[in-house]
Amino acid sequence: MPHPIAYLSFNGNCKEAMYYYEQVLGGKITVMMSGADSPMAAMIPAESAHRILHARLELPDGGLLYAGDCPQQMPYDGIKGVSFTLNYDTTEEATKIFNALAEGGQITMPVQPAFWAKSWGMLVDKYGTPWIINGEQLPL
């Protein structure tokens, strides 16, 4: 069965966001393709050529995160109705990632114990991406 892969949309700052996630989450960017670098370069307006068409971040556990900039001619409404969840083996590791992602963003639920994990918290990072971070999951 295929694993769902989150595909984040940004408004011209995809490259910056993905390099930030690479640093914070410890992954490796394996694709960062702008409109100018794509096979469709001749069909992309010059003012949009710098925008990212496709980025791929490979996470340490084999997970993937994809992203791209919203086409300039389309309205960008941000990321809504979804949160991206990361589970960590320890509360310390979860708290470290939570704090890094919260820097410059907004904490919507501080790190605290829950019935499903020894720690969890919610935030929206400085790029508008909503996250749920769990540390040391508990059996349900």
Protein backbone atom coordinates (compact mmCIF):
# COMPACT_ATOMS: atom_id res chain seq x y z
CA MET A 1 0.00 0.00 0.00
CA PRO A 2 1.40 3.43 -0.84
CA HIS A 3 2.32 5.80 1.97
CA PRO A 4 0.70 9.25 1.79
CA ILE A 5 3.19 12.04 1.19
CA ALA A 6 2.45 15.58 2.30
CA TYR A 7 2.74 18.13 -0.52
CA LEU A 8 3.08 21.62 0.91
CA SER A 9 2.21 24.72 -1.07
CA PHE A 10 3.95 28.06 -0.55
CA ASN A 11 3.62 31.56 -1.92
CA GLY A 12 7.08 32.14 -3.36
CA ASN A 13 9.12 31.04 -0.32
CA CYS A 14 9.16 27.27 -0.90
CA LYS A 15 12.93 27.12 -1.31
CA GLU A 16 13.54 28.96 1.97
CA ALA A 17 10.98 26.82 3.83
CA MET A 18 12.34 23.52 2.54
CA TYR A 19 15.94 24.37 3.44
CA TYR A 20 14.65 25.31 6.90
CA TYR A 21 12.83 21.96 7.23
CA GLU A 22 15.97 20.17 6.01
CA GLN A 23 17.95 21.77 8.83
CA VAL A 24 15.32 21.35 11.58
CA LEU A 25 14.14 17.85 10.69
CA GLY A 26 17.56 16.48 9.76
CA GLY A 27 16.60 15.41 6.25
CA LYS A 28 18.18 15.87 2.85
CA ILE A 29 16.75 17.81 -0.07
CA THR A 30 17.07 15.64 -3.16
CA VAL A 31 15.06 17.81 -5.58
CA MET A 32 14.72 21.60 -5.76
CA MET A 33 13.43 22.45 -9.23
CA SER A 34 12.44 25.96 -10.23
CA GLY A 35 10.34 26.77 -13.24
CA ALA A 36 13.50 27.91 -15.05
CA ASP A 37 15.17 24.53 -14.37
CA SER A 38 12.20 22.43 -15.47
CA PRO A 39 11.45 20.81 -18.83
CA MET A 40 8.57 23.33 -19.01
CA ALA A 41 10.87 26.39 -18.73
CA ALA A 42 9.87 27.82 -22.12
CA MET A 43 6.18 27.82 -21.09
CA ILE A 44 6.70 29.56 -17.74
CA PRO A 45 6.41 33.35 -17.56
CA ALA A 46 9.74 35.02 -16.75
CA GLU A 47 8.32 36.57 -13.54
CA SER A 48 7.48 33.05 -12.27
CA ALA A 49 10.61 31.22 -13.42
CA HIS A 50 12.29 31.48 -9.98
CA ARG A 51 9.34 29.84 -8.18
CA ILE A 52 9.76 26.22 -7.15
CA LEU A 53 7.77 23.70 -9.19
CA HIS A 54 8.82 20.69 -7.13
CA ALA A 55 10.95 20.06 -4.04
CA ARG A 56 11.55 16.77 -2.26
CA LEU A 57 12.91 16.39 1.26
CA GLU A 58 13.92 12.89 2.34
CA LEU A 59 13.59 12.47 6.11
CA PRO A 60 15.94 10.30 8.21
CA ASP A 61 13.37 7.51 8.72
CA GLY A 62 12.62 7.23 4.99
CA GLY A 63 9.61 9.56 5.06
CA LEU A 64 9.18 12.20 2.38
CA LEU A 65 7.92 15.75 2.28
CA TYR A 66 7.13 17.36 -1.09
CA ALA A 67 6.50 21.03 -1.79
CA GLY A 68 6.18 23.70 -4.41
CA ASP A 69 5.20 27.33 -4.85
CA CYS A 70 1.62 28.07 -5.80
CA PRO A 71 1.49 29.36 -9.39
CA GLN A 72 1.69 33.16 -9.29
CA GLN A 73 -1.57 33.62 -11.21
CA MET A 74 -3.53 31.56 -8.68
CA PRO A 75 -4.73 32.91 -5.33
CA TYR A 76 -2.77 31.50 -2.41
CA ASP A 77 -4.89 30.81 0.68
CA GLY A 78 -2.25 29.11 2.81
CA ILE A 79 -2.40 25.62 4.30
CA LYS A 80 -5.79 24.96 5.89
CA GLY A 81 -7.71 22.03 7.32
CA VAL A 82 -4.70 19.77 7.89
CA SER A 83 -1.81 19.38 10.35
CA PHE A 84 1.39 17.46 9.73
CA THR A 85 2.25 15.07 12.53
CA LEU A 86 5.73 13.91 13.52
CA ASN A 87 6.24 11.14 16.08
CA TYR A 88 9.50 10.90 18.02
CA ASP A 89 10.79 8.11 20.25
CA THR A 90 11.57 10.44 23.15
CA THR A 91 9.99 13.50 24.70
CA GLU A 92 13.36 15.25 24.57
CA GLU A 93 13.67 14.79 20.81
CA ALA A 94 10.05 15.85 20.27
CA THR A 95 10.49 18.97 22.41
CA LYS A 96 13.68 19.93 20.55
CA ILE A 97 11.90 19.72 17.17
CA PHE A 98 8.79 21.43 18.52
CA ASN A 99 10.84 24.38 19.81
CA ALA A 100 12.77 24.68 16.55
CA LEU A 101 9.62 24.67 14.43
CA ALA A 102 7.89 27.11 16.82
CA GLU A 103 10.67 29.68 16.43
CA GLY A 104 9.08 32.63 14.63
CA GLY A 105 5.73 30.83 14.45
CA GLN A 106 2.76 30.46 16.76
CA ILE A 107 2.26 27.79 19.42
CA THR A 108 -1.37 26.71 19.40
CA MET A 109 -1.02 24.04 22.12
CA PRO A 110 2.09 23.97 24.34
CA VAL A 111 3.96 20.70 24.84
CA GLN A 112 2.16 18.64 27.48
CA PRO A 113 1.28 15.03 28.33
CA ALA A 114 -1.61 13.31 26.56
CA PHE A 115 -3.27 9.92 26.75
CA TRP A 116 -1.59 8.85 23.45
CA ALA A 117 1.90 10.23 24.12
CA LYS A 118 4.09 11.33 27.00
CA SER A 119 4.31 14.70 25.25
CA TRP A 120 2.58 16.46 22.40
CA GLY A 121 2.12 19.98 21.16
CA MET A 122 0.70 21.93 18.23
CA LEU A 123 2.08 24.93 16.36
CA VAL A 124 2.00 26.82 13.11
CA ASP A 125 5.54 27.54 11.94
CA LYS A 126 6.81 30.79 10.41
CA TYR A 127 5.89 29.50 6.94
CA GLY A 128 2.25 28.83 7.88
CA THR A 129 2.59 25.05 8.14
CA PRO A 130 0.58 23.49 11.00
CA TRP A 131 2.41 20.76 12.96
CA ILE A 132 1.54 18.27 15.70
CA ILE A 133 4.61 16.87 17.45
CA ASN A 134 4.35 13.72 19.58
CA GLY A 135 7.03 12.37 21.89
CA GLU A 136 7.13 8.81 23.17
CA GLN A 137 3.78 7.42 22.10
CA LEU A 138 1.78 5.37 24.58
CA PRO A 139 -0.21 2.19 23.80
CA LEU A 140 -3.90 2.83 23.24
